[in-house]
Amino acid sequence: LGDHETLAALAQTVDLDKAEVLAMLASDAYATDVRDDEQTGAALG
């Protein structure tokens, strides 16, 4: 699950566009969303 090609192939099985997923993973997109979830969780204890 740390390999981008593997993630994109798995995403394709749930009808996500593989090329779009690879482009997203090659960027830092949604990093802030992950950190926001983690900070919210920490705030909740």
All heavy atoms as atom14 arrays in JSON, in Angstrom:
{
  "sequence": "LGDHETLAALAQTVDLDKAEVLAMLASDAYATDVRDDEQTGAALG",
  "atom14_mask": [
    [1, 1, 1, 1, 1, 1, 1, 1, 0, 0, 0, 0, 0, 0],
    [1, 1, 1, 1, 0, 0, 0, 0, 0, 0, 0, 0, 0, 0],
    [1, 1, 1, 1, 1, 1, 1, 1, 0, 0, 0, 0, 0, 0],
    [1, 1, 1, 1, 1, 1, 1, 1, 1, 1, 0, 0, 0, 0],
    [1, 1, 1, 1, 1, 1, 1, 1, 1, 0, 0, 0, 0, 0],
    [1, 1, 1, 1, 1, 1, 1, 0, 0, 0, 0, 0, 0, 0],
    [1, 1, 1, 1, 1, 1, 1, 1, 0, 0, 0, 0, 0, 0],
    [1, 1, 1, 1, 1, 0, 0, 0, 0, 0, 0, 0, 0, 0],
    [1, 1, 1, 1, 1, 0, 0, 0, 0, 0, 0, 0, 0, 0],
    [1, 1, 1, 1, 1, 1, 1, 1, 0, 0, 0, 0, 0, 0],
    [1, 1, 1, 1, 1, 0, 0, 0, 0, 0, 0, 0, 0, 0],
    [1, 1, 1, 1, 1, 1, 1, 1, 1, 0, 0, 0, 0, 0],
    [1, 1, 1, 1, 1, 1, 1, 0, 0, 0, 0, 0, 0, 0],
    [1, 1, 1, 1, 1, 1, 1, 0, 0, 0, 0, 0, 0, 0],
    [1, 1, 1, 1, 1, 1, 1, 1, 0, 0, 0, 0, 0, 0],
    [1, 1, 1, 1, 1, 1, 1, 1, 0, 0, 0, 0, 0, 0],
    [1, 1, 1, 1, 1, 1, 1, 1, 0, 0, 0, 0, 0, 0],
    [1, 1, 1, 1, 1, 1, 1, 1, 1, 0, 0, 0, 0, 0],
    [1, 1, 1, 1, 1, 0, 0, 0, 0, 0, 0, 0, 0, 0],
    [1, 1, 1, 1, 1, 1, 1, 1, 1, 0, 0, 0, 0, 0],
    [1, 1, 1, 1, 1, 1, 1, 0, 0, 0, 0, 0, 0, 0],
    [1, 1, 1, 1, 1, 1, 1, 1, 0, 0, 0, 0, 0, 0],
    [1, 1, 1, 1, 1, 0, 0, 0, 0, 0, 0, 0, 0, 0],
    [1, 1, 1, 1, 1, 1, 1, 1, 0, 0, 0, 0, 0, 0],
    [1, 1, 1, 1, 1, 1, 1, 1, 0, 0, 0, 0, 0, 0],
    [1, 1, 1, 1, 1, 0, 0, 0, 0, 0, 0, 0, 0, 0],
    [1, 1, 1, 1, 1, 1, 0, 0, 0, 0, 0, 0, 0, 0],
    [1, 1, 1, 1, 1, 1, 1, 1, 0, 0, 0, 0, 0, 0],
    [1, 1, 1, 1, 1, 0, 0, 0, 0, 0, 0, 0, 0, 0],
    [1, 1, 1, 1, 1, 1, 1, 1, 1, 1, 1, 1, 0, 0],
    [1, 1, 1, 1, 1, 0, 0, 0, 0, 0, 0, 0, 0, 0],
    [1, 1, 1, 1, 1, 1, 1, 0, 0, 0, 0, 0, 0, 0],
    [1, 1, 1, 1, 1, 1, 1, 1, 0, 0, 0, 0, 0, 0],
    [1, 1, 1, 1, 1, 1, 1, 0, 0, 0, 0, 0, 0, 0],
    [1, 1, 1, 1, 1, 1, 1, 1, 1, 1, 1, 0, 0, 0],
    [1, 1, 1, 1, 1, 1, 1, 1, 0, 0, 0, 0, 0, 0],
    [1, 1, 1, 1, 1, 1, 1, 1, 0, 0, 0, 0, 0, 0],
    [1, 1, 1, 1, 1, 1, 1, 1, 1, 0, 0, 0, 0, 0],
    [1, 1, 1, 1, 1, 1, 1, 1, 1, 0, 0, 0, 0, 0],
    [1, 1, 1, 1, 1, 1, 1, 0, 0, 0, 0, 0, 0, 0],
    [1, 1, 1, 1, 0, 0, 0, 0, 0, 0, 0, 0, 0, 0],
    [1, 1, 1, 1, 1, 0, 0, 0, 0, 0, 0, 0, 0, 0],
    [1, 1, 1, 1, 1, 0, 0, 0, 0, 0, 0, 0, 0, 0],
    [1, 1, 1, 1, 1, 1, 1, 1, 0, 0, 0, 0, 0, 0],
    [1, 1, 1, 1, 0, 0, 0, 0, 0, 0, 0, 0, 0, 0]
  ],
  "atom14_positions": [
    [[0.8, -1.22, 0.0], [0.0, 0.0, 0.0], [0.84, 1.28, 0.0], [0.29, 2.37, 0.0], [-0.96, 0.01, 1.2], [-2.02, -1.08, 1.25], [-3.08, -0.73, 2.3], [-2.68, -1.29, -0.12], [0.0, 0.0, 0.0], [0.0, 0.0, 0.0], [0.0, 0.0, 0.0], [0.0, 0.0, 0.0], [0.0, 0.0, 0.0], [0.0, 0.0, 0.0]],
    [[2.15, 1.13, -0.02], [3.01, 2.3, -0.15], [3.43, 2.55, -1.59], [4.05, 3.57, -1.91], [0.0, 0.0, 0.0], [0.0, 0.0, 0.0], [0.0, 0.0, 0.0], [0.0, 0.0, 0.0], [0.0, 0.0, 0.0], [0.0, 0.0, 0.0], [0.0, 0.0, 0.0], [0.0, 0.0, 0.0], [0.0, 0.0, 0.0], [0.0, 0.0, 0.0]],
    [[3.07, 1.63, -2.47], [3.44, 1.71, -3.88], [2.33, 2.39, -4.67], [1.16, 1.96, -4.63], [3.7, 0.3, -4.42], [4.03, 0.31, -5.9], [5.14, 0.73, -6.26], [3.15, -0.09, -6.69], [0.0, 0.0, 0.0], [0.0, 0.0, 0.0], [0.0, 0.0, 0.0], [0.0, 0.0, 0.0], [0.0, 0.0, 0.0], [0.0, 0.0, 0.0]],
    [[2.65, 3.44, -5.41], [1.63, 4.22, -6.12], [0.92, 3.41, -7.21], [-0.29, 3.54, -7.39], [2.26, 5.48, -6.71], [2.61, 6.51, -5.69], [3.07, 7.77, -6.01], [2.55, 6.47, -4.33], [3.28, 8.47, -4.91], [2.98, 7.69, -3.87], [0.0, 0.0, 0.0], [0.0, 0.0, 0.0], [0.0, 0.0, 0.0], [0.0, 0.0, 0.0]],
    [[1.66, 2.61, -7.93], [1.04, 1.79, -8.98], [0.04, 0.8, -8.38], [-1.05, 0.58, -8.93], [2.1, 1.05, -9.77], [2.87, 1.91, -10.77], [2.02, 2.31, -11.99], [0.97, 1.67, -12.22], [2.42, 3.25, -12.69], [0.0, 0.0, 0.0], [0.0, 0.0, 0.0], [0.0, 0.0, 0.0], [0.0, 0.0, 0.0], [0.0, 0.0, 0.0]],
    [[0.41, 0.23, -7.25], [-0.49, -0.71, -6.58], [-1.74, 0.01, -6.1], [-2.87, -0.48, -6.28], [0.22, -1.37, -5.39], [1.36, -2.1, -5.86], [-0.72, -2.32, -4.65], [0.0, 0.0, 0.0], [0.0, 0.0, 0.0], [0.0, 0.0, 0.0], [0.0, 0.0, 0.0], [0.0, 0.0, 0.0], [0.0, 0.0, 0.0], [0.0, 0.0, 0.0]],
    [[-1.57, 1.16, -5.48], [-2.71, 1.94, -5.01], [-3.63, 2.33, -6.16], [-4.87, 2.24, -6.05], [-2.24, 3.19, -4.27], [-1.64, 3.0, -2.88], [-1.07, 4.32, -2.37], [-2.67, 2.45, -1.9], [0.0, 0.0, 0.0], [0.0, 0.0, 0.0], [0.0, 0.0, 0.0], [0.0, 0.0, 0.0], [0.0, 0.0, 0.0], [0.0, 0.0, 0.0]],
    [[-3.06, 2.76, -7.26], [-3.87, 3.18, -8.41], [-4.64, 2.01, -9.0], [-5.8, 2.14, -9.4], [-2.97, 3.82, -9.47], [0.0, 0.0, 0.0], [0.0, 0.0, 0.0], [0.0, 0.0, 0.0], [0.0, 0.0, 0.0], [0.0, 0.0, 0.0], [0.0, 0.0, 0.0], [0.0, 0.0, 0.0], [0.0, 0.0, 0.0], [0.0, 0.0, 0.0]],
    [[-3.99, 0.85, -9.06], [-4.66, -0.34, -9.6], [-5.83, -0.75, -8.7], [-6.91, -1.13, -9.18], [-3.67, -1.49, -9.73], [0.0, 0.0, 0.0], [0.0, 0.0, 0.0], [0.0, 0.0, 0.0], [0.0, 0.0, 0.0], [0.0, 0.0, 0.0], [0.0, 0.0, 0.0], [0.0, 0.0, 0.0], [0.0, 0.0, 0.0], [0.0, 0.0, 0.0]],
    [[-5.63, -0.66, -7.38], [-6.7, -0.99, -6.44], [-7.83, 0.03, -6.53], [-9.01, -0.32, -6.47], [-6.15, -1.05, -5.02], [-5.2, -2.22, -4.73], [-4.48, -2.01, -3.41], [-5.97, -3.53, -4.7], [0.0, 0.0, 0.0], [0.0, 0.0, 0.0], [0.0, 0.0, 0.0], [0.0, 0.0, 0.0], [0.0, 0.0, 0.0], [0.0, 0.0, 0.0]],
    [[-7.47, 1.29, -6.7], [-8.48, 2.34, -6.84], [-9.33, 2.13, -8.09], [-10.54, 2.39, -8.09], [-7.81, 3.71, -6.89], [0.0, 0.0, 0.0], [0.0, 0.0, 0.0], [0.0, 0.0, 0.0], [0.0, 0.0, 0.0], [0.0, 0.0, 0.0], [0.0, 0.0, 0.0], [0.0, 0.0, 0.0], [0.0, 0.0, 0.0], [0.0, 0.0, 0.0]],
    [[-8.7, 1.62, -9.12], [-9.41, 1.37, -10.38], [-10.5, 0.31, -10.19], [-11.54, 0.36, -10.86], [-8.41, 0.91, -11.44], [-8.97, 0.9, -12.85], [-7.89, 0.6, -13.88], [-6.91, -0.1, -13.59], [-8.04, 1.13, -15.08], [0.0, 0.0, 0.0], [0.0, 0.0, 0.0], [0.0, 0.0, 0.0], [0.0, 0.0, 0.0], [0.0, 0.0, 0.0]],
    [[-10.32, -0.6, -9.26], [-11.32, -1.65, -9.03], [-12.59, -1.11, -8.4], [-13.62, -1.79, -8.4], [-10.76, -2.78, -8.14], [-10.54, -2.29, -6.81], [-9.48, -3.35, -8.71], [0.0, 0.0, 0.0], [0.0, 0.0, 0.0], [0.0, 0.0, 0.0], [0.0, 0.0, 0.0], [0.0, 0.0, 0.0], [0.0, 0.0, 0.0], [0.0, 0.0, 0.0]],
    [[-12.53, 0.11, -7.83], [-13.75, 0.73, -7.29], [-14.18, 1.91, -8.17], [-14.81, 2.86, -7.72], [-13.56, 1.17, -5.82], [-13.27, -0.04, -4.94], [-12.47, 2.22, -5.67], [0.0, 0.0, 0.0], [0.0, 0.0, 0.0], [0.0, 0.0, 0.0], [0.0, 0.0, 0.0], [0.0, 0.0, 0.0], [0.0, 0.0, 0.0], [0.0, 0.0, 0.0]],
    [[-13.78, 1.83, -9.44], [-14.22, 2.79, -10.46], [-13.64, 4.19, -10.31], [-14.27, 5.18, -10.7], [-15.75, 2.87, -10.51], [-16.39, 1.55, -10.91], [-15.78, 0.83, -11.74], [-17.47, 1.22, -10.38], [0.0, 0.0, 0.0], [0.0, 0.0, 0.0], [0.0, 0.0, 0.0], [0.0, 0.0, 0.0], [0.0, 0.0, 0.0], [0.0, 0.0, 0.0]],
    [[-12.44, 4.28, -9.74], [-11.7, 5.53, -9.76], [-10.75, 5.5, -10.95], [-10.26, 4.44, -11.34], [-10.92, 5.73, -8.46], [-11.77, 5.97, -7.21], [-10.89, 5.94, -5.96], [-12.52, 7.3, -7.29], [0.0, 0.0, 0.0], [0.0, 0.0, 0.0], [0.0, 0.0, 0.0], [0.0, 0.0, 0.0], [0.0, 0.0, 0.0], [0.0, 0.0, 0.0]],
    [[-10.51, 6.66, -11.55], [-9.68, 6.73, -12.73], [-8.21, 6.55, -12.35], [-7.66, 7.3, -11.54], [-9.88, 8.09, -13.42], [-9.09, 8.19, -14.71], [-9.6, 7.73, -15.76], [-7.96, 8.72, -14.67], [0.0, 0.0, 0.0], [0.0, 0.0, 0.0], [0.0, 0.0, 0.0], [0.0, 0.0, 0.0], [0.0, 0.0, 0.0], [0.0, 0.0, 0.0]],
    [[-7.57, 5.54, -12.94], [-6.2, 5.21, -12.57], [-5.23, 6.35, -12.86], [-4.37, 6.68, -12.02], [-5.75, 3.94, -13.31], [-4.35, 3.48, -12.91], [-3.97, 2.17, -13.6], [-2.58, 1.71, -13.17], [-2.2, 0.43, -13.82], [0.0, 0.0, 0.0], [0.0, 0.0, 0.0], [0.0, 0.0, 0.0], [0.0, 0.0, 0.0], [0.0, 0.0, 0.0]],
    [[-5.34, 6.96, -14.02], [-4.43, 8.06, -14.38], [-4.61, 9.24, -13.43], [-3.63, 9.88, -13.01], [-4.67, 8.49, -15.82], [0.0, 0.0, 0.0], [0.0, 0.0, 0.0], [0.0, 0.0, 0.0], [0.0, 0.0, 0.0], [0.0, 0.0, 0.0], [0.0, 0.0, 0.0], [0.0, 0.0, 0.0], [0.0, 0.0, 0.0], [0.0, 0.0, 0.0]],
    [[-5.86, 9.53, -13.07], [-6.13, 10.64, -12.15], [-5.56, 10.34, -10.77], [-5.01, 11.22, -10.1], [-7.64, 10.88, -12.06], [-8.02, 12.13, -11.29], [-9.52, 12.4, -11.3], [-10.28, 11.56, -11.84], [-9.92, 13.43, -10.74], [0.0, 0.0, 0.0], [0.0, 0.0, 0.0], [0.0, 0.0, 0.0], [0.0, 0.0, 0.0], [0.0, 0.0, 0.0]],
    [[-5.68, 9.08, -10.34], [-5.14, 8.68, -9.04], [-3.62, 8.8, -9.03], [-3.03, 9.32, -8.08], [-5.57, 7.24, -8.7], [-4.78, 6.72, -7.49], [-7.07, 7.19, -8.4], [0.0, 0.0, 0.0], [0.0, 0.0, 0.0], [0.0, 0.0, 0.0], [0.0, 0.0, 0.0], [0.0, 0.0, 0.0], [0.0, 0.0, 0.0], [0.0, 0.0, 0.0]],
    [[-2.96, 8.34, -10.09], [-1.5, 8.43, -10.15], [-1.03, 9.88, -10.13], [-0.03, 10.2, -9.47], [-0.99, 7.72, -11.41], [-0.99, 6.2, -11.38], [-0.68, 5.63, -12.76], [0.02, 5.69, -10.35], [0.0, 0.0, 0.0], [0.0, 0.0, 0.0], [0.0, 0.0, 0.0], [0.0, 0.0, 0.0], [0.0, 0.0, 0.0], [0.0, 0.0, 0.0]],
    [[-1.74, 10.74, -10.82], [-1.38, 12.16, -10.83], [-1.55, 12.77, -9.44], [-0.72, 13.56, -8.99], [-2.23, 12.91, -11.85], [0.0, 0.0, 0.0], [0.0, 0.0, 0.0], [0.0, 0.0, 0.0], [0.0, 0.0, 0.0], [0.0, 0.0, 0.0], [0.0, 0.0, 0.0], [0.0, 0.0, 0.0], [0.0, 0.0, 0.0], [0.0, 0.0, 0.0]],
    [[-2.62, 12.39, -8.77], [-2.86, 12.88, -7.42], [-1.77, 12.42, -6.47], [-1.23, 13.2, -5.68], [-4.23, 12.4, -6.94], [-4.65, 12.91, -5.55], [-3.95, 11.97, -4.17], [-4.77, 10.39, -4.4], [0.0, 0.0, 0.0], [0.0, 0.0, 0.0], [0.0, 0.0, 0.0], [0.0, 0.0, 0.0], [0.0, 0.0, 0.0], [0.0, 0.0, 0.0]],
    [[-1.41, 11.12, -6.54], [-0.4, 10.58, -5.65], [0.98, 11.18, -5.91], [1.8, 11.28, -4.99], [-0.34, 9.05, -5.81], [-1.55, 8.27, -5.28], [-1.46, 6.81, -5.68], [-1.67, 8.41, -3.77], [0.0, 0.0, 0.0], [0.0, 0.0, 0.0], [0.0, 0.0, 0.0], [0.0, 0.0, 0.0], [0.0, 0.0, 0.0], [0.0, 0.0, 0.0]],
    [[1.24, 11.58, -7.14], [2.53, 12.19, -7.48], [2.65, 13.61, -6.93], [3.75, 14.17, -6.88], [2.72, 12.2, -8.99], [0.0, 0.0, 0.0], [0.0, 0.0, 0.0], [0.0, 0.0, 0.0], [0.0, 0.0, 0.0], [0.0, 0.0, 0.0], [0.0, 0.0, 0.0], [0.0, 0.0, 0.0], [0.0, 0.0, 0.0], [0.0, 0.0, 0.0]],
    [[1.54, 14.18, -6.52], [1.54, 15.52, -5.94], [1.42, 15.4, -4.42], [1.56, 14.31, -3.87], [0.34, 16.31, -6.48], [-0.88, 15.82, -5.93], [0.0, 0.0, 0.0], [0.0, 0.0, 0.0], [0.0, 0.0, 0.0], [0.0, 0.0, 0.0], [0.0, 0.0, 0.0], [0.0, 0.0, 0.0], [0.0, 0.0, 0.0], [0.0, 0.0, 0.0]],
    [[1.18, 16.54, -3.75], [0.95, 16.49, -2.31], [-0.52, 16.72, -1.98], [-0.88, 17.09, -0.87], [1.82, 17.51, -1.58], [1.5, 18.95, -2.0], [0.68, 19.15, -2.92], [2.07, 19.88, -1.4], [0.0, 0.0, 0.0], [0.0, 0.0, 0.0], [0.0, 0.0, 0.0], [0.0, 0.0, 0.0], [0.0, 0.0, 0.0], [0.0, 0.0, 0.0]],
    [[-1.39, 16.49, -2.97], [-2.82, 16.71, -2.8], [-3.37, 15.86, -1.65], [-2.94, 14.73, -1.44], [-3.56, 16.36, -4.09], [0.0, 0.0, 0.0], [0.0, 0.0, 0.0], [0.0, 0.0, 0.0], [0.0, 0.0, 0.0], [0.0, 0.0, 0.0], [0.0, 0.0, 0.0], [0.0, 0.0, 0.0], [0.0, 0.0, 0.0], [0.0, 0.0, 0.0]],
    [[-4.29, 16.45, -0.91], [-5.02, 15.82, 0.19], [-4.16, 15.54, 1.42], [-4.65, 14.94, 2.39], [-5.73, 14.54, -0.27], [-6.74, 14.83, -1.36], [-6.4, 14.64, -2.71], [-7.99, 15.34, -1.05], [-7.3, 14.94, -3.71], [-8.91, 15.63, -2.06], [-8.56, 15.43, -3.38], [-9.46, 15.74, -4.38], [0.0, 0.0, 0.0], [0.0, 0.0, 0.0]],
    [[-2.91, 15.99, 1.41], [-2.08, 15.84, 2.6], [-2.67, 16.63, 3.77], [-2.7, 16.15, 4.91], [-0.66, 16.32, 2.31], [0.0, 0.0, 0.0], [0.0, 0.0, 0.0], [0.0, 0.0, 0.0], [0.0, 0.0, 0.0], [0.0, 0.0, 0.0], [0.0, 0.0, 0.0], [0.0, 0.0, 0.0], [0.0, 0.0, 0.0], [0.0, 0.0, 0.0]],
    [[-3.17, 17.82, 3.47], [-3.77, 18.65, 4.51], [-5.01, 17.99, 5.1], [-5.26, 18.07, 6.31], [-4.14, 20.04, 3.95], [-2.95, 20.68, 3.49], [-4.78, 20.91, 5.03], [0.0, 0.0, 0.0], [0.0, 0.0, 0.0], [0.0, 0.0, 0.0], [0.0, 0.0, 0.0], [0.0, 0.0, 0.0], [0.0, 0.0, 0.0], [0.0, 0.0, 0.0]],
    [[-5.79, 17.32, 4.25], [-7.0, 16.64, 4.74], [-6.64, 15.53, 5.72], [-7.33, 15.33, 6.72], [-7.78, 16.07, 3.55], [-8.22, 17.13, 2.57], [-7.4, 17.51, 1.71], [-9.36, 17.6, 2.67], [0.0, 0.0, 0.0], [0.0, 0.0, 0.0], [0.0, 0.0, 0.0], [0.0, 0.0, 0.0], [0.0, 0.0, 0.0], [0.0, 0.0, 0.0]],
    [[-5.58, 14.79, 5.41], [-5.14, 13.73, 6.31], [-4.7, 14.33, 7.64], [-5.1, 13.86, 8.72], [-3.98, 12.93, 5.69], [-3.43, 11.9, 6.69], [-4.43, 12.23, 4.42], [0.0, 0.0, 0.0], [0.0, 0.0, 0.0], [0.0, 0.0, 0.0], [0.0, 0.0, 0.0], [0.0, 0.0, 0.0], [0.0, 0.0, 0.0], [0.0, 0.0, 0.0]],
    [[-3.9, 15.38, 7.59], [-3.42, 16.02, 8.81], [-4.57, 16.62, 9.62], [-4.57, 16.57, 10.86], [-2.38, 17.1, 8.48], [-1.12, 16.57, 7.81], [-0.45, 15.51, 8.64], [0.8, 15.02, 8.03], [1.25, 13.79, 8.15], [0.56, 12.9, 8.85], [2.39, 13.43, 7.58], [0.0, 0.0, 0.0], [0.0, 0.0, 0.0], [0.0, 0.0, 0.0]],
    [[-5.56, 17.17, 8.93], [-6.73, 17.73, 9.63], [-7.47, 16.65, 10.41], [-7.89, 16.87, 11.55], [-7.67, 18.4, 8.63], [-7.16, 19.74, 8.13], [-6.19, 20.27, 8.72], [-7.73, 20.26, 7.14], [0.0, 0.0, 0.0], [0.0, 0.0, 0.0], [0.0, 0.0, 0.0], [0.0, 0.0, 0.0], [0.0, 0.0, 0.0], [0.0, 0.0, 0.0]],
    [[-7.65, 15.48, 9.78], [-8.3, 14.37, 10.47], [-7.5, 13.97, 11.71], [-8.07, 13.72, 12.78], [-8.41, 13.15, 9.54], [-9.66, 13.17, 8.69], [-10.44, 14.15, 8.77], [-9.87, 12.2, 7.93], [0.0, 0.0, 0.0], [0.0, 0.0, 0.0], [0.0, 0.0, 0.0], [0.0, 0.0, 0.0], [0.0, 0.0, 0.0], [0.0, 0.0, 0.0]],
    [[-6.19, 13.9, 11.55], [-5.35, 13.48, 12.67], [-5.38, 14.51, 13.79], [-5.42, 14.15, 14.98], [-3.92, 13.26, 12.17], [-3.82, 12.06, 11.23], [-2.46, 11.88, 10.59], [-1.69, 12.87, 10.53], [-2.16, 10.77, 10.15], [0.0, 0.0, 0.0], [0.0, 0.0, 0.0], [0.0, 0.0, 0.0], [0.0, 0.0, 0.0], [0.0, 0.0, 0.0]],
    [[-5.4, 15.78, 13.46], [-5.47, 16.83, 14.48], [-6.82, 16.84, 15.17], [-6.9, 17.02, 16.39], [-5.19, 18.19, 13.83], [-3.74, 18.37, 13.41], [-3.51, 19.63, 12.6], [-4.39, 20.48, 12.48], [-2.33, 19.75, 12.01], [0.0, 0.0, 0.0], [0.0, 0.0, 0.0], [0.0, 0.0, 0.0], [0.0, 0.0, 0.0], [0.0, 0.0, 0.0]],
    [[-7.88, 16.59, 14.4], [-9.21, 16.51, 15.01], [-9.28, 15.33, 15.97], [-9.82, 15.45, 17.08], [-10.29, 16.35, 13.92], [-10.27, 17.48, 13.06], [-11.68, 16.23, 14.54], [0.0, 0.0, 0.0], [0.0, 0.0, 0.0], [0.0, 0.0, 0.0], [0.0, 0.0, 0.0], [0.0, 0.0, 0.0], [0.0, 0.0, 0.0], [0.0, 0.0, 0.0]],
    [[-8.72, 14.21, 15.54], [-8.69, 13.04, 16.41], [-7.92, 13.3, 17.69], [-8.34, 12.92, 18.78], [0.0, 0.0, 0.0], [0.0, 0.0, 0.0], [0.0, 0.0, 0.0], [0.0, 0.0, 0.0], [0.0, 0.0, 0.0], [0.0, 0.0, 0.0], [0.0, 0.0, 0.0], [0.0, 0.0, 0.0], [0.0, 0.0, 0.0], [0.0, 0.0, 0.0]],
    [[-6.78, 13.97, 17.57], [-5.97, 14.3, 18.74], [-6.73, 15.21, 19.69], [-6.67, 15.05, 20.92], [-4.67, 14.95, 18.3], [0.0, 0.0, 0.0], [0.0, 0.0, 0.0], [0.0, 0.0, 0.0], [0.0, 0.0, 0.0], [0.0, 0.0, 0.0], [0.0, 0.0, 0.0], [0.0, 0.0, 0.0], [0.0, 0.0, 0.0], [0.0, 0.0, 0.0]],
    [[-7.46, 16.18, 19.12], [-8.25, 17.1, 19.94], [-9.35, 16.37, 20.7], [-9.76, 16.78, 21.8], [-8.85, 18.2, 19.06], [0.0, 0.0, 0.0], [0.0, 0.0, 0.0], [0.0, 0.0, 0.0], [0.0, 0.0, 0.0], [0.0, 0.0, 0.0], [0.0, 0.0, 0.0], [0.0, 0.0, 0.0], [0.0, 0.0, 0.0], [0.0, 0.0, 0.0]],
    [[-9.84, 15.27, 20.12], [-10.87, 14.46, 20.78], [-10.28, 13.49, 21.79], [-11.02, 12.79, 22.49], [-11.67, 13.69, 19.72], [-12.57, 14.5, 18.8], [-13.13, 13.63, 17.68], [-13.71, 15.14, 19.6], [0.0, 0.0, 0.0], [0.0, 0.0, 0.0], [0.0, 0.0, 0.0], [0.0, 0.0, 0.0], [0.0, 0.0, 0.0], [0.0, 0.0, 0.0]],
    [[-8.95, 13.43, 21.84], [-8.29, 12.53, 22.77], [-8.09, 11.13, 22.24], [-7.79, 10.2, 23.0], [0.0, 0.0, 0.0], [0.0, 0.0, 0.0], [0.0, 0.0, 0.0], [0.0, 0.0, 0.0], [0.0, 0.0, 0.0], [0.0, 0.0, 0.0], [0.0, 0.0, 0.0], [0.0, 0.0, 0.0], [0.0, 0.0, 0.0], [0.0, 0.0, 0.0]]
  ]
}
